[in-house]
Amino acid sequence: MEGQILVVYGTMGSRSEVLINALAMLDTRFSKVTLHRGSDVGSLKDQRPTDFFDISKEEFETMVTDEAFLHFFREEEYSYGITKHVVEQKKLEGTIPVIFSRTIKELEELREKSLGEKIITLLVWEPMETIEKRLLKSYKGNPDKIMSTMGQVKESLVSLADIEIEKSFDLVMEHSRSPVDAGLELLYAVNDEDSIQQEKQKLKMYLGQLHS
């Protein structure tokens, strides 16, 4: 995978970013890409340190105009962007940039703007039963929160039925184990075509059960 970019998309509740952190810890070839975050400077003063490169709204908009971002998105309070410079810097350092994608649409946009580089796409998912068990521990006594989250989880998984898994994702990982175990399994499976196909078939079978 040297010289390539790894883009990770996770279904709702799959703890994709936790897996990315574990992957970087297990293998120093992988390096998570830090996002630039634009906001009013004053609103950031009480939030340091952060996991972002914090800049002002004005600086962020200048970067948008200068086409500095591979991808950017705006939310109510903050704007976020993945810069070409950060990705290129990590490659110069000899690491594999790892980008977390929030949506399938975002993943496709990153693929289109990959500067001619090879992008490896990874889909991370968890069975609903596994997520529900975790939620019951975390939100004991809050059934509304559990019900709401599980509804989002199912919607996220069902949406995959409209996607050609084979074409959209190079790798598929069921993340029902610990992040470290899942990271190790991914490292072992990445060059094993049989394991890759088995993981894809496992997901297809599960999605079929959801629709039955």
N, C-alpha and C. Protein backbone atom coordinates (compact mmCIF):
# COMPACT_ATOMS: atom_id res chain seq x y z
N MET A 1 0.81 -1.21 0.00
CA MET A 1 0.00 0.00 0.00
C MET A 1 0.85 1.27 0.00
N GLU A 2 2.17 1.15 0.03
CA GLU A 2 3.03 2.31 0.04
C GLU A 2 2.73 3.20 -1.17
N GLY A 3 2.75 4.52 -0.96
CA GLY A 3 2.50 5.46 -2.04
C GLY A 3 1.04 5.66 -2.34
N GLN A 4 0.17 5.07 -1.53
CA GLN A 4 -1.27 5.18 -1.76
C GLN A 4 -1.94 5.94 -0.62
N ILE A 5 -3.23 6.17 -0.78
CA ILE A 5 -4.03 6.87 0.22
C ILE A 5 -5.15 5.93 0.66
N LEU A 6 -5.35 5.80 1.97
CA LEU A 6 -6.43 4.96 2.50
C LEU A 6 -7.58 5.85 2.95
N VAL A 7 -8.75 5.63 2.37
CA VAL A 7 -9.95 6.38 2.76
C VAL A 7 -10.91 5.42 3.44
N VAL A 8 -11.30 5.75 4.67
CA VAL A 8 -12.13 4.88 5.49
C VAL A 8 -13.52 5.47 5.64
N TYR A 9 -14.52 4.67 5.28
CA TYR A 9 -15.92 5.05 5.53
C TYR A 9 -16.53 4.04 6.47
N GLY A 10 -17.22 4.52 7.48
CA GLY A 10 -17.85 3.62 8.43
C GLY A 10 -19.33 3.86 8.55
N THR A 11 -20.09 2.78 8.66
CA THR A 11 -21.52 2.92 8.89
C THR A 11 -21.75 3.48 10.29
N MET A 12 -22.93 3.99 10.53
CA MET A 12 -23.28 4.60 11.81
C MET A 12 -22.98 3.64 12.96
N GLY A 13 -22.25 4.11 13.96
CA GLY A 13 -21.99 3.31 15.14
C GLY A 13 -20.81 2.37 15.04
N SER A 14 -20.09 2.39 13.90
CA SER A 14 -19.03 1.40 13.69
C SER A 14 -17.68 1.80 14.28
N ARG A 15 -17.58 2.95 14.90
CA ARG A 15 -16.35 3.39 15.56
C ARG A 15 -15.16 3.39 14.60
N SER A 16 -15.39 3.91 13.41
CA SER A 16 -14.36 3.90 12.38
C SER A 16 -13.12 4.67 12.79
N GLU A 17 -13.32 5.82 13.42
CA GLU A 17 -12.17 6.65 13.79
C GLU A 17 -11.34 5.97 14.88
N VAL A 18 -11.98 5.19 15.73
CA VAL A 18 -11.25 4.43 16.75
C VAL A 18 -10.35 3.40 16.07
N LEU A 19 -10.87 2.77 15.03
CA LEU A 19 -10.09 1.79 14.28
C LEU A 19 -8.90 2.46 13.58
N ILE A 20 -9.13 3.66 13.04
CA ILE A 20 -8.05 4.39 12.36
C ILE A 20 -6.92 4.68 13.35
N ASN A 21 -7.27 5.11 14.55
CA ASN A 21 -6.26 5.40 15.58
C ASN A 21 -5.49 4.13 15.96
N ALA A 22 -6.21 3.01 16.06
CA ALA A 22 -5.56 1.74 16.40
C ALA A 22 -4.62 1.30 15.28
N LEU A 23 -5.04 1.52 14.04
CA LEU A 23 -4.24 1.13 12.88
C LEU A 23 -2.92 1.91 12.87
N ALA A 24 -3.00 3.22 13.15
CA ALA A 24 -1.80 4.05 13.18
C ALA A 24 -0.87 3.64 14.33
N MET A 25 -1.45 3.17 15.42
CA MET A 25 -0.65 2.73 16.56
C MET A 25 0.06 1.41 16.26
N LEU A 26 -0.63 0.52 15.53
CA LEU A 26 -0.09 -0.81 15.25
C LEU A 26 0.96 -0.79 14.15
N ASP A 27 0.82 0.13 13.21
CA ASP A 27 1.72 0.17 12.05
C ASP A 27 2.02 1.63 11.72
N THR A 28 3.25 2.04 11.94
CA THR A 28 3.63 3.45 11.76
C THR A 28 3.63 3.89 10.30
N ARG A 29 3.39 2.97 9.38
CA ARG A 29 3.24 3.37 7.97
C ARG A 29 1.97 4.18 7.78
N PHE A 30 0.99 3.97 8.65
CA PHE A 30 -0.29 4.66 8.52
C PHE A 30 -0.31 5.93 9.37
N SER A 31 -0.81 7.01 8.81
CA SER A 31 -0.84 8.28 9.52
C SER A 31 -2.16 9.00 9.24
N LYS A 32 -2.94 9.24 10.28
CA LYS A 32 -4.24 9.88 10.13
C LYS A 32 -4.10 11.32 9.68
N VAL A 33 -4.90 11.70 8.70
CA VAL A 33 -4.89 13.07 8.18
C VAL A 33 -5.71 13.97 9.09
N THR A 34 -5.08 15.01 9.60
CA THR A 34 -5.76 15.97 10.48
C THR A 34 -6.48 17.01 9.65
N LEU A 35 -7.72 17.31 10.01
CA LEU A 35 -8.52 18.28 9.27
C LEU A 35 -8.23 19.71 9.73
N HIS A 36 -8.36 20.65 8.82
CA HIS A 36 -8.38 22.06 9.19
C HIS A 36 -9.81 22.40 9.62
N ARG A 37 -9.93 23.18 10.70
CA ARG A 37 -11.25 23.55 11.19
C ARG A 37 -11.34 25.07 11.28
N GLY A 38 -12.29 25.61 10.56
CA GLY A 38 -12.48 27.05 10.55
C GLY A 38 -13.63 27.47 11.44
N SER A 39 -13.41 28.52 12.22
CA SER A 39 -14.46 29.03 13.11
C SER A 39 -14.05 30.41 13.59
N ASP A 40 -14.96 31.06 14.35
CA ASP A 40 -14.60 32.31 15.00
C ASP A 40 -13.49 32.02 15.98
N VAL A 41 -12.41 32.77 15.93
CA VAL A 41 -11.26 32.52 16.80
C VAL A 41 -11.67 32.47 18.26
N GLY A 42 -12.56 33.35 18.66
CA GLY A 42 -12.98 33.40 20.06
C GLY A 42 -13.61 32.12 20.55
N SER A 43 -14.34 31.42 19.65
CA SER A 43 -15.05 30.21 20.07
C SER A 43 -14.10 29.03 20.26
N LEU A 44 -12.84 29.19 19.84
CA LEU A 44 -11.88 28.10 19.95
C LEU A 44 -10.99 28.20 21.17
N LYS A 45 -10.99 29.34 21.84
CA LYS A 45 -10.05 29.58 22.92
C LYS A 45 -10.17 28.58 24.06
N ASP A 46 -11.39 28.17 24.35
CA ASP A 46 -11.59 27.26 25.49
C ASP A 46 -11.59 25.80 25.08
N GLN A 47 -11.19 25.50 23.84
CA GLN A 47 -11.30 24.14 23.36
C GLN A 47 -9.96 23.51 23.00
N ARG A 48 -8.86 24.16 23.31
CA ARG A 48 -7.54 23.58 23.01
C ARG A 48 -7.08 22.69 24.14
N PRO A 49 -6.28 21.64 23.92
CA PRO A 49 -5.85 21.22 22.58
C PRO A 49 -6.96 20.49 21.83
N THR A 50 -6.87 20.46 20.51
CA THR A 50 -7.88 19.80 19.70
C THR A 50 -7.21 18.82 18.73
N ASP A 51 -8.05 18.08 18.03
CA ASP A 51 -7.55 17.15 17.01
C ASP A 51 -7.61 17.78 15.63
N PHE A 52 -7.63 19.12 15.58
CA PHE A 52 -7.74 19.83 14.31
C PHE A 52 -6.66 20.90 14.20
N PHE A 53 -6.43 21.35 12.96
CA PHE A 53 -5.67 22.57 12.73
C PHE A 53 -6.69 23.70 12.77
N ASP A 54 -6.74 24.44 13.86
CA ASP A 54 -7.76 25.48 14.02
C ASP A 54 -7.33 26.77 13.34
N ILE A 55 -8.21 27.30 12.50
CA ILE A 55 -7.97 28.56 11.81
C ILE A 55 -9.25 29.39 11.86
N SER A 56 -9.14 30.65 11.47
CA SER A 56 -10.31 31.53 11.47
C SER A 56 -11.20 31.23 10.26
N LYS A 57 -12.43 31.72 10.31
CA LYS A 57 -13.34 31.54 9.19
C LYS A 57 -12.78 32.19 7.93
N GLU A 58 -12.16 33.36 8.11
CA GLU A 58 -11.60 34.09 6.98
C GLU A 58 -10.48 33.28 6.32
N GLU A 59 -9.61 32.69 7.14
CA GLU A 59 -8.52 31.87 6.60
C GLU A 59 -9.08 30.66 5.86
N PHE A 60 -10.13 30.08 6.43
CA PHE A 60 -10.74 28.89 5.82
C PHE A 60 -11.29 29.25 4.44
N GLU A 61 -12.03 30.35 4.36
CA GLU A 61 -12.64 30.75 3.09
C GLU A 61 -11.58 31.10 2.05
N THR A 62 -10.46 31.64 2.49
CA THR A 62 -9.35 31.93 1.58
C THR A 62 -8.80 30.63 1.00
N MET A 63 -8.70 29.60 1.84
CA MET A 63 -8.21 28.30 1.38
C MET A 63 -9.19 27.66 0.39
N VAL A 64 -10.49 27.88 0.62
CA VAL A 64 -11.50 27.38 -0.33
C VAL A 64 -11.30 28.05 -1.68
N THR A 65 -11.13 29.36 -1.65
CA THR A 65 -10.93 30.12 -2.89
C THR A 65 -9.67 29.68 -3.62
N ASP A 66 -8.63 29.38 -2.85
CA ASP A 66 -7.34 28.96 -3.43
C ASP A 66 -7.33 27.48 -3.81
N GLU A 67 -8.46 26.80 -3.63
CA GLU A 67 -8.59 25.37 -3.95
C GLU A 67 -7.54 24.53 -3.21
N ALA A 68 -7.35 24.86 -1.94
CA ALA A 68 -6.36 24.14 -1.12
C ALA A 68 -6.89 22.81 -0.60
N PHE A 69 -8.19 22.60 -0.67
CA PHE A 69 -8.79 21.41 -0.08
C PHE A 69 -9.07 20.32 -1.11
N LEU A 70 -8.80 19.09 -0.71
CA LEU A 70 -9.29 17.94 -1.48
C LEU A 70 -10.79 17.83 -1.30
N HIS A 71 -11.22 18.14 -0.08
CA HIS A 71 -12.65 18.10 0.25
C HIS A 71 -12.89 19.00 1.45
N PHE A 72 -14.03 19.67 1.47
CA PHE A 72 -14.40 20.46 2.65
C PHE A 72 -15.90 20.40 2.84
N PHE A 73 -16.35 20.64 4.06
CA PHE A 73 -17.78 20.67 4.35
C PHE A 73 -18.03 21.65 5.48
N ARG A 74 -19.23 22.16 5.53
CA ARG A 74 -19.59 23.16 6.53
C ARG A 74 -20.70 22.63 7.42
N GLU A 75 -20.59 22.92 8.70
CA GLU A 75 -21.65 22.64 9.66
C GLU A 75 -22.07 23.96 10.29
N GLU A 76 -23.00 23.89 11.22
CA GLU A 76 -23.57 25.13 11.76
C GLU A 76 -22.53 26.03 12.41
N GLU A 77 -21.62 25.46 13.18
CA GLU A 77 -20.65 26.25 13.92
C GLU A 77 -19.26 26.24 13.31
N TYR A 78 -18.89 25.11 12.68
CA TYR A 78 -17.54 24.97 12.15
C TYR A 78 -17.55 24.60 10.67
N SER A 79 -16.42 24.84 10.01
CA SER A 79 -16.17 24.33 8.66
C SER A 79 -14.94 23.45 8.74
N TYR A 80 -14.93 22.36 7.97
CA TYR A 80 -13.83 21.41 8.02
C TYR A 80 -13.29 21.14 6.62
N GLY A 81 -11.98 20.91 6.53
CA GLY A 81 -11.40 20.64 5.23
C GLY A 81 -10.19 19.73 5.30
N ILE A 82 -10.03 18.90 4.26
CA ILE A 82 -8.86 18.04 4.10
C ILE A 82 -7.97 18.70 3.06
N THR A 83 -6.79 19.15 3.45
CA THR A 83 -5.95 19.88 2.51
C THR A 83 -5.05 18.96 1.70
N LYS A 84 -4.80 19.39 0.47
CA LYS A 84 -3.88 18.66 -0.39
C LYS A 84 -2.49 18.65 0.23
N HIS A 85 -2.12 19.77 0.86
CA HIS A 85 -0.78 19.91 1.42
C HIS A 85 -0.51 18.87 2.51
N VAL A 86 -1.47 18.67 3.41
CA VAL A 86 -1.28 17.71 4.51
C VAL A 86 -1.13 16.31 3.97
N VAL A 87 -1.94 15.95 2.98
CA VAL A 87 -1.85 14.62 2.39
C VAL A 87 -0.50 14.43 1.71
N GLU A 88 -0.08 15.42 0.93
CA GLU A 88 1.20 15.31 0.24
C GLU A 88 2.37 15.26 1.22
N GLN A 89 2.27 16.01 2.32
CA GLN A 89 3.34 16.02 3.31
C GLN A 89 3.52 14.64 3.94
N LYS A 90 2.42 13.99 4.23
CA LYS A 90 2.49 12.66 4.83
C LYS A 90 3.13 11.66 3.86
N LYS A 91 2.83 11.81 2.59
CA LYS A 91 3.43 10.92 1.60
C LYS A 91 4.93 11.17 1.49
N LEU A 92 5.33 12.43 1.56
CA LEU A 92 6.75 12.77 1.52
C LEU A 92 7.49 12.19 2.73
N GLU A 93 6.77 12.08 3.84
CA GLU A 93 7.36 11.50 5.05
C GLU A 93 7.44 9.98 4.99
N GLY A 94 6.89 9.41 3.92
CA GLY A 94 6.94 7.96 3.74
C GLY A 94 5.81 7.21 4.40
N THR A 95 4.74 7.91 4.80
CA THR A 95 3.61 7.25 5.43
C THR A 95 2.42 7.18 4.47
N ILE A 96 1.45 6.35 4.83
CA ILE A 96 0.22 6.21 4.06
C ILE A 96 -0.84 7.10 4.70
N PRO A 97 -1.26 8.18 4.04
CA PRO A 97 -2.29 9.05 4.61
C PRO A 97 -3.61 8.29 4.78
N VAL A 98 -4.23 8.43 5.95
CA VAL A 98 -5.51 7.78 6.22
C VAL A 98 -6.56 8.87 6.43
N ILE A 99 -7.57 8.87 5.60
CA ILE A 99 -8.62 9.89 5.64
C ILE A 99 -9.94 9.25 6.07
N PHE A 100 -10.60 9.87 7.03
CA PHE A 100 -11.92 9.40 7.45
C PHE A 100 -12.99 10.12 6.63
N SER A 101 -13.84 9.36 5.97
CA SER A 101 -14.92 9.91 5.16
C SER A 101 -16.25 9.75 5.88
N ARG A 102 -17.01 10.82 6.00
CA ARG A 102 -18.29 10.77 6.72
C ARG A 102 -19.41 10.15 5.88
N THR A 103 -19.32 10.29 4.56
CA THR A 103 -20.40 9.82 3.69
C THR A 103 -19.82 9.15 2.44
N ILE A 104 -20.66 8.38 1.76
CA ILE A 104 -20.26 7.76 0.50
C ILE A 104 -19.98 8.84 -0.54
N LYS A 105 -20.79 9.89 -0.55
CA LYS A 105 -20.60 10.98 -1.50
C LYS A 105 -19.24 11.63 -1.30
N GLU A 106 -18.87 11.83 -0.05
CA GLU A 106 -17.57 12.42 0.26
C GLU A 106 -16.45 11.51 -0.22
N LEU A 107 -16.61 10.20 -0.02
CA LEU A 107 -15.61 9.24 -0.46
C LEU A 107 -15.42 9.32 -1.97
N GLU A 108 -16.52 9.42 -2.71
CA GLU A 108 -16.43 9.50 -4.16
C GLU A 108 -15.74 10.79 -4.60
N GLU A 109 -16.00 11.87 -3.89
CA GLU A 109 -15.36 13.15 -4.22
C GLU A 109 -13.86 13.08 -3.97
N LEU A 110 -13.47 12.43 -2.88
CA LEU A 110 -12.05 12.27 -2.59
C LEU A 110 -11.38 11.43 -3.66
N ARG A 111 -12.08 10.42 -4.15
CA ARG A 111 -11.53 9.57 -5.21
C ARG A 111 -11.29 10.39 -6.48
N GLU A 112 -12.25 11.27 -6.80
CA GLU A 112 -12.14 12.08 -8.01
C GLU A 112 -11.02 13.11 -7.91
N LYS A 113 -10.74 13.58 -6.69
CA LYS A 113 -9.73 14.64 -6.51
C LYS A 113 -8.44 14.10 -5.90
N SER A 114 -8.13 12.88 -6.20
CA SER A 114 -6.99 12.22 -5.55
C SER A 114 -5.64 12.55 -6.17
N LEU A 115 -5.60 13.57 -7.01
CA LEU A 115 -4.34 14.01 -7.61
C LEU A 115 -3.65 12.90 -8.39
N GLY A 116 -4.46 12.01 -8.98
CA GLY A 116 -3.89 10.94 -9.77
C GLY A 116 -3.32 9.79 -8.96
N GLU A 117 -3.46 9.87 -7.63
CA GLU A 117 -2.91 8.83 -6.78
C GLU A 117 -3.92 7.68 -6.63
N LYS A 118 -3.40 6.52 -6.28
CA LYS A 118 -4.25 5.36 -6.05
C LYS A 118 -4.89 5.46 -4.67
N ILE A 119 -6.21 5.43 -4.64
CA ILE A 119 -6.94 5.47 -3.37
C ILE A 119 -7.45 4.07 -3.06
N ILE A 120 -7.20 3.62 -1.85
CA ILE A 120 -7.73 2.36 -1.35
C ILE A 120 -8.91 2.69 -0.44
N THR A 121 -10.07 2.15 -0.73
CA THR A 121 -11.26 2.45 0.06
C THR A 121 -11.59 1.30 1.00
N LEU A 122 -11.87 1.64 2.25
CA LEU A 122 -12.20 0.65 3.29
C LEU A 122 -13.56 0.96 3.89
N LEU A 123 -14.43 -0.02 3.89
CA LEU A 123 -15.74 0.09 4.53
C LEU A 123 -15.69 -0.63 5.87
N VAL A 124 -16.01 0.09 6.93
CA VAL A 124 -16.05 -0.49 8.28
C VAL A 124 -17.50 -0.56 8.72
N TRP A 125 -17.92 -1.72 9.21
CA TRP A 125 -19.30 -1.87 9.66
C TRP A 125 -19.37 -2.79 10.87
N GLU A 126 -20.49 -2.72 11.56
CA GLU A 126 -20.76 -3.62 12.69
C GLU A 126 -22.20 -4.10 12.61
N PRO A 127 -22.46 -5.35 13.01
CA PRO A 127 -23.84 -5.84 13.07
C PRO A 127 -24.65 -5.02 14.08
N MET A 128 -25.93 -4.88 13.83
CA MET A 128 -26.79 -4.11 14.72
C MET A 128 -26.78 -4.68 16.14
N GLU A 129 -26.71 -6.01 16.23
CA GLU A 129 -26.76 -6.65 17.54
C GLU A 129 -25.56 -6.23 18.40
N THR A 130 -24.40 -6.12 17.78
CA THR A 130 -23.19 -5.73 18.50
C THR A 130 -23.29 -4.29 19.00
N ILE A 131 -23.78 -3.41 18.14
CA ILE A 131 -23.92 -2.00 18.51
C ILE A 131 -24.96 -1.83 19.62
N GLU A 132 -26.06 -2.59 19.51
CA GLU A 132 -27.11 -2.49 20.53
C GLU A 132 -26.59 -2.89 21.91
N LYS A 133 -25.77 -3.95 21.97
CA LYS A 133 -25.21 -4.38 23.25
C LYS A 133 -24.35 -3.27 23.86
N ARG A 134 -23.56 -2.60 23.01
CA ARG A 134 -22.71 -1.51 23.50
C ARG A 134 -23.55 -0.33 23.98
N LEU A 135 -24.61 -0.03 23.26
CA LEU A 135 -25.47 1.09 23.64
C LEU A 135 -26.21 0.81 24.95
N LEU A 136 -26.60 -0.44 25.15
CA LEU A 136 -27.30 -0.80 26.39
C LEU A 136 -26.41 -0.58 27.61
N LYS A 137 -25.10 -0.75 27.42
CA LYS A 137 -24.16 -0.50 28.51
C LYS A 137 -23.92 1.00 28.70
N SER A 138 -23.79 1.71 27.58
CA SER A 138 -23.44 3.13 27.63
C SER A 138 -24.62 4.02 28.01
N TYR A 139 -25.83 3.64 27.57
CA TYR A 139 -27.00 4.48 27.79
C TYR A 139 -28.08 3.75 28.58
N LYS A 140 -27.65 3.00 29.56
CA LYS A 140 -28.59 2.30 30.42
C LYS A 140 -29.55 3.30 31.06
N GLY A 141 -30.84 3.03 30.97
CA GLY A 141 -31.81 3.95 31.53
C GLY A 141 -32.25 5.04 30.57
N ASN A 142 -31.75 5.01 29.34
CA ASN A 142 -32.14 6.00 28.34
C ASN A 142 -32.60 5.29 27.07
N PRO A 143 -33.77 4.64 27.13
CA PRO A 143 -34.24 3.84 25.99
C PRO A 143 -34.50 4.68 24.74
N ASP A 144 -34.89 5.95 24.91
CA ASP A 144 -35.14 6.80 23.74
C ASP A 144 -33.86 7.02 22.94
N LYS A 145 -32.75 7.24 23.65
CA LYS A 145 -31.47 7.43 22.99
C LYS A 145 -31.06 6.17 22.25
N ILE A 146 -31.25 5.03 22.88
CA ILE A 146 -30.89 3.75 22.26
C ILE A 146 -31.74 3.51 21.01
N MET A 147 -33.05 3.74 21.14
CA MET A 147 -33.95 3.51 20.02
C MET A 147 -33.63 4.43 18.84
N SER A 148 -33.35 5.70 19.14
CA SER A 148 -33.03 6.68 18.11
C SER A 148 -31.74 6.29 17.38
N THR A 149 -30.72 5.93 18.16
CA THR A 149 -29.44 5.57 17.57
C THR A 149 -29.55 4.31 16.73
N MET A 150 -30.29 3.32 17.22
CA MET A 150 -30.43 2.07 16.47
C MET A 150 -31.18 2.30 15.16
N GLY A 151 -32.10 3.26 15.16
CA GLY A 151 -32.80 3.60 13.92
C GLY A 151 -31.82 4.16 12.89
N GLN A 152 -30.89 4.98 13.36
CA GLN A 152 -29.88 5.54 12.47
C GLN A 152 -28.91 4.47 11.98
N VAL A 153 -28.58 3.54 12.88
CA VAL A 153 -27.68 2.44 12.52
C VAL A 153 -28.30 1.60 11.40
N LYS A 154 -29.57 1.24 11.56
CA LYS A 154 -30.23 0.43 10.55
C LYS A 154 -30.33 1.16 9.22
N GLU A 155 -30.65 2.44 9.28
CA GLU A 155 -30.74 3.24 8.05
C GLU A 155 -29.40 3.28 7.33
N SER A 156 -28.32 3.41 8.10
CA SER A 156 -26.98 3.46 7.53
C SER A 156 -26.62 2.15 6.85
N LEU A 157 -26.96 1.02 7.50
CA LEU A 157 -26.67 -0.28 6.92
C LEU A 157 -27.53 -0.57 5.69
N VAL A 158 -28.81 -0.26 5.79
CA VAL A 158 -29.73 -0.53 4.67
C VAL A 158 -29.32 0.26 3.43
N SER A 159 -28.77 1.47 3.64
CA SER A 159 -28.37 2.30 2.51
C SER A 159 -27.26 1.64 1.67
N LEU A 160 -26.53 0.72 2.29
CA LEU A 160 -25.46 0.02 1.56
C LEU A 160 -26.02 -0.92 0.51
N ALA A 161 -27.29 -1.30 0.65
CA ALA A 161 -27.90 -2.22 -0.31
C ALA A 161 -27.99 -1.61 -1.70
N ASP A 162 -27.98 -0.27 -1.77
CA ASP A 162 -28.08 0.42 -3.06
C ASP A 162 -26.70 0.68 -3.68
N ILE A 163 -25.66 0.17 -3.03
CA ILE A 163 -24.29 0.42 -3.48
C ILE A 163 -23.67 -0.88 -3.97
N GLU A 164 -22.89 -0.80 -5.04
CA GLU A 164 -22.15 -1.96 -5.51
C GLU A 164 -20.89 -2.08 -4.66
N ILE A 165 -20.95 -2.93 -3.65
CA ILE A 165 -19.85 -3.08 -2.70
C ILE A 165 -18.54 -3.39 -3.41
N GLU A 166 -18.60 -4.27 -4.41
CA GLU A 166 -17.40 -4.70 -5.11
C GLU A 166 -16.69 -3.53 -5.78
N LYS A 167 -17.47 -2.61 -6.36
CA LYS A 167 -16.88 -1.50 -7.09
C LYS A 167 -16.53 -0.32 -6.19
N SER A 168 -17.31 -0.12 -5.15
CA SER A 168 -17.13 1.06 -4.31
C SER A 168 -16.03 0.90 -3.27
N PHE A 169 -15.77 -0.35 -2.82
CA PHE A 169 -14.82 -0.56 -1.74
C PHE A 169 -13.81 -1.65 -2.09
N ASP A 170 -12.54 -1.34 -1.85
CA ASP A 170 -11.49 -2.32 -2.06
C ASP A 170 -11.43 -3.31 -0.89
N LEU A 171 -11.72 -2.80 0.31
CA LEU A 171 -11.65 -3.62 1.53
C LEU A 171 -12.92 -3.44 2.35
N VAL A 172 -13.32 -4.48 3.04
CA VAL A 172 -14.46 -4.44 3.96
C VAL A 172 -14.02 -5.05 5.28
N MET A 173 -14.36 -4.40 6.39
CA MET A 173 -13.96 -4.89 7.70
C MET A 173 -15.13 -4.85 8.67
N GLU A 174 -15.47 -6.01 9.22
CA GLU A 174 -16.46 -6.05 10.29
C GLU A 174 -15.74 -5.71 11.60
N HIS A 175 -16.17 -4.64 12.23
CA HIS A 175 -15.46 -4.13 13.41
C HIS A 175 -16.23 -4.47 14.68
N SER A 176 -16.47 -5.76 14.90
CA SER A 176 -17.18 -6.17 16.11
C SER A 176 -16.21 -6.64 17.18
N ARG A 177 -14.91 -6.63 16.82
CA ARG A 177 -13.88 -6.99 17.80
C ARG A 177 -13.32 -5.71 18.42
N SER A 178 -12.30 -5.85 19.23
CA SER A 178 -11.66 -4.66 19.78
C SER A 178 -10.96 -3.92 18.64
N PRO A 179 -10.75 -2.60 18.77
CA PRO A 179 -10.07 -1.85 17.71
C PRO A 179 -8.70 -2.42 17.36
N VAL A 180 -7.95 -2.86 18.37
CA VAL A 180 -6.62 -3.41 18.11
C VAL A 180 -6.72 -4.72 17.34
N ASP A 181 -7.63 -5.61 17.75
CA ASP A 181 -7.81 -6.89 17.05
C ASP A 181 -8.27 -6.66 15.61
N ALA A 182 -9.19 -5.70 15.45
CA ALA A 182 -9.68 -5.40 14.10
C ALA A 182 -8.56 -4.82 13.24
N GLY A 183 -7.73 -3.96 13.85
CA GLY A 183 -6.60 -3.39 13.12
C GLY A 183 -5.61 -4.45 12.69
N LEU A 184 -5.31 -5.39 13.58
CA LEU A 184 -4.39 -6.47 13.25
C LEU A 184 -4.95 -7.34 12.13
N GLU A 185 -6.23 -7.64 12.22
CA GLU A 185 -6.85 -8.47 11.18
C GLU A 185 -6.80 -7.78 9.82
N LEU A 186 -7.01 -6.46 9.84
CA LEU A 186 -6.95 -5.70 8.59
C LEU A 186 -5.55 -5.75 7.99
N LEU A 187 -4.54 -5.60 8.82
CA LEU A 187 -3.15 -5.63 8.34
C LEU A 187 -2.81 -6.98 7.72
N TYR A 188 -3.32 -8.06 8.31
CA TYR A 188 -3.05 -9.39 7.78
C TYR A 188 -3.84 -9.65 6.49
N ALA A 189 -5.05 -9.09 6.42
CA ALA A 189 -5.95 -9.41 5.31
C ALA A 189 -5.73 -8.55 4.08
N VAL A 190 -5.04 -7.42 4.24
CA VAL A 190 -4.98 -6.44 3.16
C VAL A 190 -4.39 -7.00 1.87
N ASN A 191 -3.51 -7.98 1.97
CA ASN A 191 -2.92 -8.58 0.76
C ASN A 191 -3.43 -9.99 0.49
N ASP A 192 -4.50 -10.36 1.18
CA ASP A 192 -5.08 -11.70 1.02
C ASP A 192 -6.42 -11.57 0.30
N GLU A 193 -6.42 -11.85 -1.00
CA GLU A 193 -7.62 -11.67 -1.80
C GLU A 193 -8.77 -12.54 -1.31
N ASP A 194 -8.49 -13.75 -0.84
CA ASP A 194 -9.54 -14.62 -0.33
C ASP A 194 -10.22 -14.01 0.89
N SER A 195 -9.43 -13.47 1.80
CA SER A 195 -9.99 -12.82 3.01
C SER A 195 -10.82 -11.61 2.63
N ILE A 196 -10.35 -10.85 1.66
CA ILE A 196 -11.08 -9.65 1.21
C ILE A 196 -12.45 -10.05 0.67
N GLN A 197 -12.49 -11.09 -0.17
CA GLN A 197 -13.76 -11.52 -0.74
C GLN A 197 -14.68 -12.13 0.32
N GLN A 198 -14.12 -12.82 1.29
CA GLN A 198 -14.93 -13.39 2.37
C GLN A 198 -15.61 -12.29 3.18
N GLU A 199 -14.87 -11.21 3.45
CA GLU A 199 -15.45 -10.10 4.21
C GLU A 199 -16.57 -9.42 3.43
N LYS A 200 -16.40 -9.29 2.12
CA LYS A 200 -17.43 -8.68 1.30
C LYS A 200 -18.68 -9.55 1.26
N GLN A 201 -18.48 -10.85 1.15
CA GLN A 201 -19.62 -11.76 1.12
C GLN A 201 -20.36 -11.79 2.46
N LYS A 202 -19.60 -11.69 3.56
CA LYS A 202 -20.22 -11.65 4.89
C LYS A 202 -21.16 -10.45 5.01
N LEU A 203 -20.69 -9.29 4.52
CA LEU A 203 -21.52 -8.09 4.57
C LEU A 203 -22.76 -8.25 3.69
N LYS A 204 -22.58 -8.79 2.48
CA LYS A 204 -23.72 -8.97 1.58
C LYS A 204 -24.78 -9.89 2.20
N MET A 205 -24.34 -10.96 2.84
CA MET A 205 -25.26 -11.88 3.48
C MET A 205 -26.02 -11.19 4.61
N TYR A 206 -25.31 -10.37 5.40
CA TYR A 206 -25.95 -9.67 6.50
C TYR A 206 -26.99 -8.68 5.98
N LEU A 207 -26.63 -7.94 4.92
CA LEU A 207 -27.57 -6.97 4.35
C LEU A 207 -28.81 -7.69 3.79
N GLY A 208 -28.60 -8.87 3.24
CA GLY A 208 -29.72 -9.65 2.75
C GLY A 208 -30.66 -10.05 3.87
N GLN A 209 -30.11 -10.38 5.03
CA GLN A 209 -30.92 -10.74 6.19
C GLN A 209 -31.73 -9.54 6.70
N LEU A 210 -31.15 -8.36 6.60
CA LEU A 210 -31.86 -7.17 7.05
C LEU A 210 -33.09 -6.90 6.21
N HIS A 211 -33.01 -7.25 4.92
CA HIS A 211 -34.13 -6.99 4.01
C HIS A 211 -35.16 -8.10 4.03
N SER A 212 -34.82 -9.25 4.60
CA SER A 212 -35.76 -10.39 4.58
C SER A 212 -36.77 -10.28 5.71
